[in-house]
């Protein structure tokens, strides 16, 4: 991700169902790459990481399903 974004966590938006439908249409017009970049940006912001952060595999657990 070449672009740098800052997320303003002080703002919260409420919207009607009609506005939410328009929001879906907005993302439907974006390319798959733009949608993935936006999703990665949000994930990085939520977890306080970036694309270079290694995954800490000591906190995960693997088990076999019966």
PDB file of N, CA and C in Angstrom:
ATOM      1  N   UNK A   1       0.842  -1.172   0.000  1.00  0.00           N
ATOM      2  CA  UNK A   1       0.000   0.000   0.000  1.00  0.00           C
ATOM      3  C   UNK A   1       0.884   1.231   0.000  1.00  0.00           C
ATOM      4  N   UNK A   2       0.852   1.937  -1.066  1.00  0.00           N
ATOM      5  CA  UNK A   2       1.720   3.092  -1.208  1.00  0.00           C
ATOM      6  C   UNK A   2       1.152   4.333  -0.535  1.00  0.00           C
ATOM      7  N   UNK A   3      -0.178   4.434  -0.413  1.00  0.00           N
ATOM      8  CA  UNK A   3      -0.794   5.631   0.150  1.00  0.00           C
ATOM      9  C   UNK A   3      -0.777   5.575   1.671  1.00  0.00           C
ATOM     10  N   UNK A   4      -0.611   6.726   2.274  1.00  0.00           N
ATOM     11  CA  UNK A   4      -0.700   6.845   3.732  1.00  0.00           C
ATOM     12  C   UNK A   4      -2.024   7.483   4.088  1.00  0.00           C
ATOM     13  N   UNK A   5      -2.771   6.860   4.976  1.00  0.00           N
ATOM     14  CA  UNK A   5      -4.055   7.382   5.409  1.00  0.00           C
ATOM     15  C   UNK A   5      -4.034   7.558   6.913  1.00  0.00           C
ATOM     16  N   UNK A   6      -4.819   8.464   7.393  1.00  0.00           N
ATOM     17  CA  UNK A   6      -5.023   8.629   8.825  1.00  0.00           C
ATOM     18  C   UNK A   6      -6.495   8.411   9.107  1.00  0.00           C
ATOM     19  N   UNK A   7      -6.800   7.627  10.126  1.00  0.00           N
ATOM     20  CA  UNK A   7      -8.177   7.343  10.474  1.00  0.00           C
ATOM     21  C   UNK A   7      -8.590   8.208  11.656  1.00  0.00           C
ATOM     22  N   UNK A   8      -9.668   8.971  11.490  1.00  0.00           N
ATOM     23  CA  UNK A   8     -10.177   9.819  12.550  1.00  0.00           C
ATOM     24  C   UNK A   8     -11.189   9.024  13.362  1.00  0.00           C
ATOM     25  N   UNK A   9     -10.777   8.530  14.517  1.00  0.00           N
ATOM     26  CA  UNK A   9     -11.640   7.682  15.332  1.00  0.00           C
ATOM     27  C   UNK A   9     -12.653   8.479  16.157  1.00  0.00           C
ATOM     28  N   UNK A  10     -12.624   9.804  16.081  1.00  0.00           N
ATOM     29  CA  UNK A  10     -13.549  10.612  16.868  1.00  0.00           C
ATOM     30  C   UNK A  10     -14.885  10.800  16.158  1.00  0.00           C
ATOM     31  N   UNK A  11     -14.948  10.457  14.898  1.00  0.00           N
ATOM     32  CA  UNK A  11     -16.169  10.662  14.124  1.00  0.00           C
ATOM     33  C   UNK A  11     -16.947   9.363  14.011  1.00  0.00           C
ATOM     34  N   UNK A  12     -18.242   9.457  14.214  1.00  0.00           N
ATOM     35  CA  UNK A  12     -19.132   8.317  14.036  1.00  0.00           C
ATOM     36  C   UNK A  12     -20.269   8.770  13.150  1.00  0.00           C
ATOM     37  N   UNK A  13     -20.597   7.980  12.159  1.00  0.00           N
ATOM     38  CA  UNK A  13     -21.668   8.355  11.231  1.00  0.00           C
ATOM     39  C   UNK A  13     -22.840   7.406  11.393  1.00  0.00           C
ATOM     40  N   UNK A  14     -24.027   7.964  11.454  1.00  0.00           N
ATOM     41  CA  UNK A  14     -25.231   7.155  11.411  1.00  0.00           C
ATOM     42  C   UNK A  14     -25.880   7.410  10.061  1.00  0.00           C
ATOM     43  N   UNK A  15     -26.528   6.389   9.541  1.00  0.00           N
ATOM     44  CA  UNK A  15     -27.128   6.539   8.224  1.00  0.00           C
ATOM     45  C   UNK A  15     -28.412   5.740   8.134  1.00  0.00           C
ATOM     46  N   UNK A  16     -29.227   6.125   7.189  1.00  0.00           N
ATOM     47  CA  UNK A  16     -30.477   5.402   6.947  1.00  0.00           C
ATOM     48  C   UNK A  16     -30.173   4.186   6.071  1.00  0.00           C
ATOM     49  N   UNK A  17     -31.174   3.346   5.893  1.00  0.00           N
ATOM     50  CA  UNK A  17     -30.980   2.185   5.028  1.00  0.00           C
ATOM     51  C   UNK A  17     -30.713   2.617   3.583  1.00  0.00           C
ATOM     52  N   UNK A  18     -31.357   3.690   3.139  1.00  0.00           N
ATOM     53  CA  UNK A  18     -31.136   4.191   1.775  1.00  0.00           C
ATOM     54  C   UNK A  18     -29.695   4.654   1.596  1.00  0.00           C
ATOM     55  N   UNK A  19     -29.164   5.345   2.600  1.00  0.00           N
ATOM     56  CA  UNK A  19     -27.769   5.786   2.528  1.00  0.00           C
ATOM     57  C   UNK A  19     -26.821   4.591   2.555  1.00  0.00           C
ATOM     58  N   UNK A  20     -27.159   3.580   3.323  1.00  0.00           N
ATOM     59  CA  UNK A  20     -26.325   2.373   3.373  1.00  0.00           C
ATOM     60  C   UNK A  20     -26.319   1.678   2.016  1.00  0.00           C
ATOM     61  N   UNK A  21     -27.451   1.656   1.329  1.00  0.00           N
ATOM     62  CA  UNK A  21     -27.497   1.076  -0.013  1.00  0.00           C
ATOM     63  C   UNK A  21     -26.585   1.841  -0.957  1.00  0.00           C
ATOM     64  N   UNK A  22     -26.564   3.156  -0.848  1.00  0.00           N
ATOM     65  CA  UNK A  22     -25.674   3.961  -1.684  1.00  0.00           C
ATOM     66  C   UNK A  22     -24.220   3.664  -1.367  1.00  0.00           C
ATOM     67  N   UNK A  23     -23.920   3.378  -0.105  1.00  0.00           N
ATOM     68  CA  UNK A  23     -22.563   3.036   0.306  1.00  0.00           C
ATOM     69  C   UNK A  23     -22.113   1.741  -0.378  1.00  0.00           C
ATOM     70  N   UNK A  24     -23.008   0.766  -0.453  1.00  0.00           N
ATOM     71  CA  UNK A  24     -22.691  -0.489  -1.136  1.00  0.00           C
ATOM     72  C   UNK A  24     -22.425  -0.236  -2.611  1.00  0.00           C
ATOM     73  N   UNK A  25     -23.231   0.612  -3.226  1.00  0.00           N
ATOM     74  CA  UNK A  25     -23.032   0.935  -4.644  1.00  0.00           C
ATOM     75  C   UNK A  25     -21.684   1.623  -4.858  1.00  0.00           C
ATOM     76  N   UNK A  26     -21.269   2.439  -3.904  1.00  0.00           N
ATOM     77  CA  UNK A  26     -19.966   3.113  -4.006  1.00  0.00           C
ATOM     78  C   UNK A  26     -18.846   2.088  -4.118  1.00  0.00           C
ATOM     79  N   UNK A  27     -18.849   1.064  -3.271  1.00  0.00           N
ATOM     80  CA  UNK A  27     -17.781   0.073  -3.289  1.00  0.00           C
ATOM     81  C   UNK A  27     -17.908  -0.882  -4.458  1.00  0.00           C
ATOM     82  N   UNK A  28     -19.114  -1.063  -4.979  1.00  0.00           N
ATOM     83  CA  UNK A  28     -19.292  -1.929  -6.147  1.00  0.00           C
ATOM     84  C   UNK A  28     -18.615  -1.330  -7.373  1.00  0.00           C
ATOM     85  N   UNK A  29     -18.470  -0.012  -7.405  1.00  0.00           N
ATOM     86  CA  UNK A  29     -17.828   0.660  -8.533  1.00  0.00           C
ATOM     87  C   UNK A  29     -16.301   0.621  -8.449  1.00  0.00           C
ATOM     88  N   UNK A  30     -15.763   0.234  -7.311  1.00  0.00           N
ATOM     89  CA  UNK A  30     -14.306   0.213  -7.135  1.00  0.00           C
ATOM     90  C   UNK A  30     -13.739  -1.105  -7.666  1.00  0.00           C
ATOM     91  N   UNK A  31     -12.465  -1.056  -8.037  1.00  0.00           N
ATOM     92  CA  UNK A  31     -11.802  -2.276  -8.511  1.00  0.00           C
ATOM     93  C   UNK A  31     -11.546  -3.202  -7.323  1.00  0.00           C
ATOM     94  N   UNK A  32     -11.268  -4.459  -7.630  1.00  0.00           N
ATOM     95  CA  UNK A  32     -10.984  -5.423  -6.572  1.00  0.00           C
ATOM     96  C   UNK A  32      -9.757  -4.997  -5.767  1.00  0.00           C
ATOM     97  N   UNK A  33      -8.774  -4.453  -6.429  1.00  0.00           N
ATOM     98  CA  UNK A  33      -7.550  -3.997  -5.756  1.00  0.00           C
ATOM     99  C   UNK A  33      -7.855  -2.861  -4.779  1.00  0.00           C
ATOM    100  N   UNK A  34      -8.701  -1.900  -5.195  1.00  0.00           N
ATOM    101  CA  UNK A  34      -9.065  -0.784  -4.318  1.00  0.00           C
ATOM    102  C   UNK A  34      -9.836  -1.281  -3.092  1.00  0.00           C
ATOM    103  N   UNK A  35     -10.719  -2.250  -3.286  1.00  0.00           N
ATOM    104  CA  UNK A  35     -11.471  -2.802  -2.155  1.00  0.00           C
ATOM    105  C   UNK A  35     -10.552  -3.547  -1.197  1.00  0.00           C
ATOM    106  N   UNK A  36      -9.587  -4.300  -1.738  1.00  0.00           N
ATOM    107  CA  UNK A  36      -8.642  -5.023  -0.882  1.00  0.00           C
ATOM    108  C   UNK A  36      -7.740  -4.055  -0.122  1.00  0.00           C
ATOM    109  N   UNK A  37      -7.295  -2.989  -0.778  1.00  0.00           N
ATOM    110  CA  UNK A  37      -6.466  -1.979  -0.111  1.00  0.00           C
ATOM    111  C   UNK A  37      -7.232  -1.336   1.044  1.00  0.00           C
ATOM    112  N   UNK A  38      -8.507  -1.026   0.814  1.00  0.00           N
ATOM    113  CA  UNK A  38      -9.326  -0.418   1.863  1.00  0.00           C
ATOM    114  C   UNK A  38      -9.529  -1.391   3.023  1.00  0.00           C
ATOM    115  N   UNK A  39      -9.768  -2.660   2.718  1.00  0.00           N
ATOM    116  CA  UNK A  39      -9.959  -3.662   3.767  1.00  0.00           C
ATOM    117  C   UNK A  39      -8.680  -3.840   4.578  1.00  0.00           C
ATOM    118  N   UNK A  40      -7.546  -3.913   3.905  1.00  0.00           N
ATOM    119  CA  UNK A  40      -6.264  -4.054   4.604  1.00  0.00           C
ATOM    120  C   UNK A  40      -5.993  -2.840   5.483  1.00  0.00           C
ATOM    121  N   UNK A  41      -6.282  -1.658   4.970  1.00  0.00           N
ATOM    122  CA  UNK A  41      -6.080  -0.446   5.756  1.00  0.00           C
ATOM    123  C   UNK A  41      -6.893  -0.498   7.048  1.00  0.00           C
ATOM    124  N   UNK A  42      -8.155  -0.895   6.945  1.00  0.00           N
ATOM    125  CA  UNK A  42      -9.006  -0.966   8.143  1.00  0.00           C
ATOM    126  C   UNK A  42      -8.492  -2.008   9.127  1.00  0.00           C
ATOM    127  N   UNK A  43      -8.073  -3.152   8.624  1.00  0.00           N
ATOM    128  CA  UNK A  43      -7.534  -4.202   9.504  1.00  0.00           C
ATOM    129  C   UNK A  43      -6.266  -3.713  10.204  1.00  0.00           C
ATOM    130  N   UNK A  44      -5.390  -3.054   9.468  1.00  0.00           N
ATOM    131  CA  UNK A  44      -4.161  -2.523  10.072  1.00  0.00           C
ATOM    132  C   UNK A  44      -4.487  -1.494  11.148  1.00  0.00           C
ATOM    133  N   UNK A  45      -5.473  -0.639  10.903  1.00  0.00           N
ATOM    134  CA  UNK A  45      -5.858   0.378  11.882  1.00  0.00           C
ATOM    135  C   UNK A  45      -6.441  -0.266  13.134  1.00  0.00           C
ATOM    136  N   UNK A  46      -7.286  -1.259  12.955  1.00  0.00           N
ATOM    137  CA  UNK A  46      -7.939  -1.909  14.095  1.00  0.00           C
ATOM    138  C   UNK A  46      -6.911  -2.604  14.987  1.00  0.00           C
ATOM    139  N   UNK A  47      -5.980  -3.335  14.374  1.00  0.00           N
ATOM    140  CA  UNK A  47      -5.023  -4.110  15.149  1.00  0.00           C
ATOM    141  C   UNK A  47      -3.710  -3.385  15.413  1.00  0.00           C
ATOM    142  N   UNK A  48      -3.565  -2.167  14.904  1.00  0.00           N
ATOM    143  CA  UNK A  48      -2.353  -1.396  15.141  1.00  0.00           C
ATOM    144  C   UNK A  48      -1.126  -2.008  14.500  1.00  0.00           C
ATOM    145  N   UNK A  49      -1.287  -2.553  13.309  1.00  0.00           N
ATOM    146  CA  UNK A  49      -0.179  -3.204  12.612  1.00  0.00           C
ATOM    147  C   UNK A  49       0.035  -2.533  11.263  1.00  0.00           C
ATOM    148  N   UNK A  50       0.906  -3.104  10.469  1.00  0.00           N
ATOM    149  CA  UNK A  50       1.088  -2.690   9.082  1.00  0.00           C
ATOM    150  C   UNK A  50       1.437  -3.922   8.261  1.00  0.00           C
ATOM    151  N   UNK A  51       1.690  -3.734   6.968  1.00  0.00           N
ATOM    152  CA  UNK A  51       1.921  -4.883   6.100  1.00  0.00           C
ATOM    153  C   UNK A  51       3.230  -5.607   6.404  1.00  0.00           C
ATOM    154  N   UNK A  52       4.102  -5.000   7.189  1.00  0.00           N
ATOM    155  CA  UNK A  52       5.385  -5.614   7.505  1.00  0.00           C
ATOM    156  C   UNK A  52       5.387  -6.307   8.869  1.00  0.00           C
ATOM    157  N   UNK A  53       4.297  -6.218   9.608  1.00  0.00           N
ATOM    158  CA  UNK A  53       4.216  -6.834  10.930  1.00  0.00           C
ATOM    159  C   UNK A  53       4.105  -8.341  10.794  1.00  0.00           C
ATOM    160  N   UNK A  54       4.952  -9.048  11.508  1.00  0.00           N
ATOM    161  CA  UNK A  54       4.903 -10.505  11.494  1.00  0.00           C
ATOM    162  C   UNK A  54       3.727 -10.986  12.336  1.00  0.00           C
ATOM    163  N   UNK A  55       3.133 -12.092  11.930  1.00  0.00           N
ATOM    164  CA  UNK A  55       2.032 -12.688  12.675  1.00  0.00           C
ATOM    165  C   UNK A  55       2.616 -13.462  13.847  1.00  0.00           C
ATOM    166  N   UNK A  56       2.084 -13.201  15.045  1.00  0.00           N
ATOM    167  CA  UNK A  56       2.527 -13.918  16.232  1.00  0.00           C
ATOM    168  C   UNK A  56       1.785 -15.252  16.289  1.00  0.00           C
ATOM    169  N   UNK A  57       2.434 -16.303  15.843  1.00  0.00           N
ATOM    170  CA  UNK A  57       1.783 -17.605  15.761  1.00  0.00           C
ATOM    171  C   UNK A  57       1.772 -18.349  17.098  1.00  0.00           C
ATOM    172  N   UNK A  58       2.352 -17.756  18.135  1.00  0.00           N
ATOM    173  CA  UNK A  58       2.327 -18.425  19.441  1.00  0.00           C
ATOM    174  C   UNK A  58       0.978 -18.264  20.126  1.00  0.00           C
ATOM    175  N   UNK A  59       0.146 -17.341  19.684  1.00  0.00           N
ATOM    176  CA  UNK A  59      -1.153 -17.140  20.318  1.00  0.00           C
ATOM    177  C   UNK A  59      -2.266 -17.877  19.593  1.00  0.00           C
ATOM    178  N   UNK A  60      -1.924 -18.577  18.505  1.00  0.00           N
ATOM    179  CA  UNK A  60      -2.942 -19.344  17.785  1.00  0.00           C
ATOM    180  C   UNK A  60      -2.827 -20.817  18.153  1.00  0.00           C
ATOM    181  N   UNK A  61      -3.865 -21.516  17.872  1.00  0.00           N
ATOM    182  CA  UNK A  61      -3.913 -22.938  18.210  1.00  0.00           C
ATOM    183  C   UNK A  61      -4.464 -23.699  17.026  1.00  0.00           C
ATOM    184  N   UNK A  62      -3.898 -24.854  16.764  1.00  0.00           N
ATOM    185  CA  UNK A  62      -4.366 -25.697  15.667  1.00  0.00           C
ATOM    186  C   UNK A  62      -4.868 -26.998  16.251  1.00  0.00           C
ATOM    187  N   UNK A  63      -6.023 -27.422  15.797  1.00  0.00           N
ATOM    188  CA  UNK A  63      -6.556 -28.696  16.269  1.00  0.00           C
ATOM    189  C   UNK A  63      -7.285 -29.386  15.133  1.00  0.00           C
ATOM    190  N   UNK A  64      -7.395 -30.675  15.266  1.00  0.00           N
ATOM    191  CA  UNK A  64      -8.022 -31.483  14.230  1.00  0.00           C
ATOM    192  C   UNK A  64      -9.496 -31.678  14.547  1.00  0.00           C
ATOM    193  N   UNK A  65     -10.330 -31.531  13.533  1.00  0.00           N
ATOM    194  CA  UNK A  65     -11.761 -31.759  13.719  1.00  0.00           C
ATOM    195  C   UNK A  65     -12.052 -33.246  13.747  1.00  0.00           C
ATOM    196  N   UNK A  66     -12.999 -33.630  14.572  1.00  0.00           N
ATOM    197  CA  UNK A  66     -13.390 -35.050  14.648  1.00  0.00           C
ATOM    198  C   UNK A  66     -14.356 -35.410  13.546  1.00  0.00           C
TER     199      UNK A  66
END
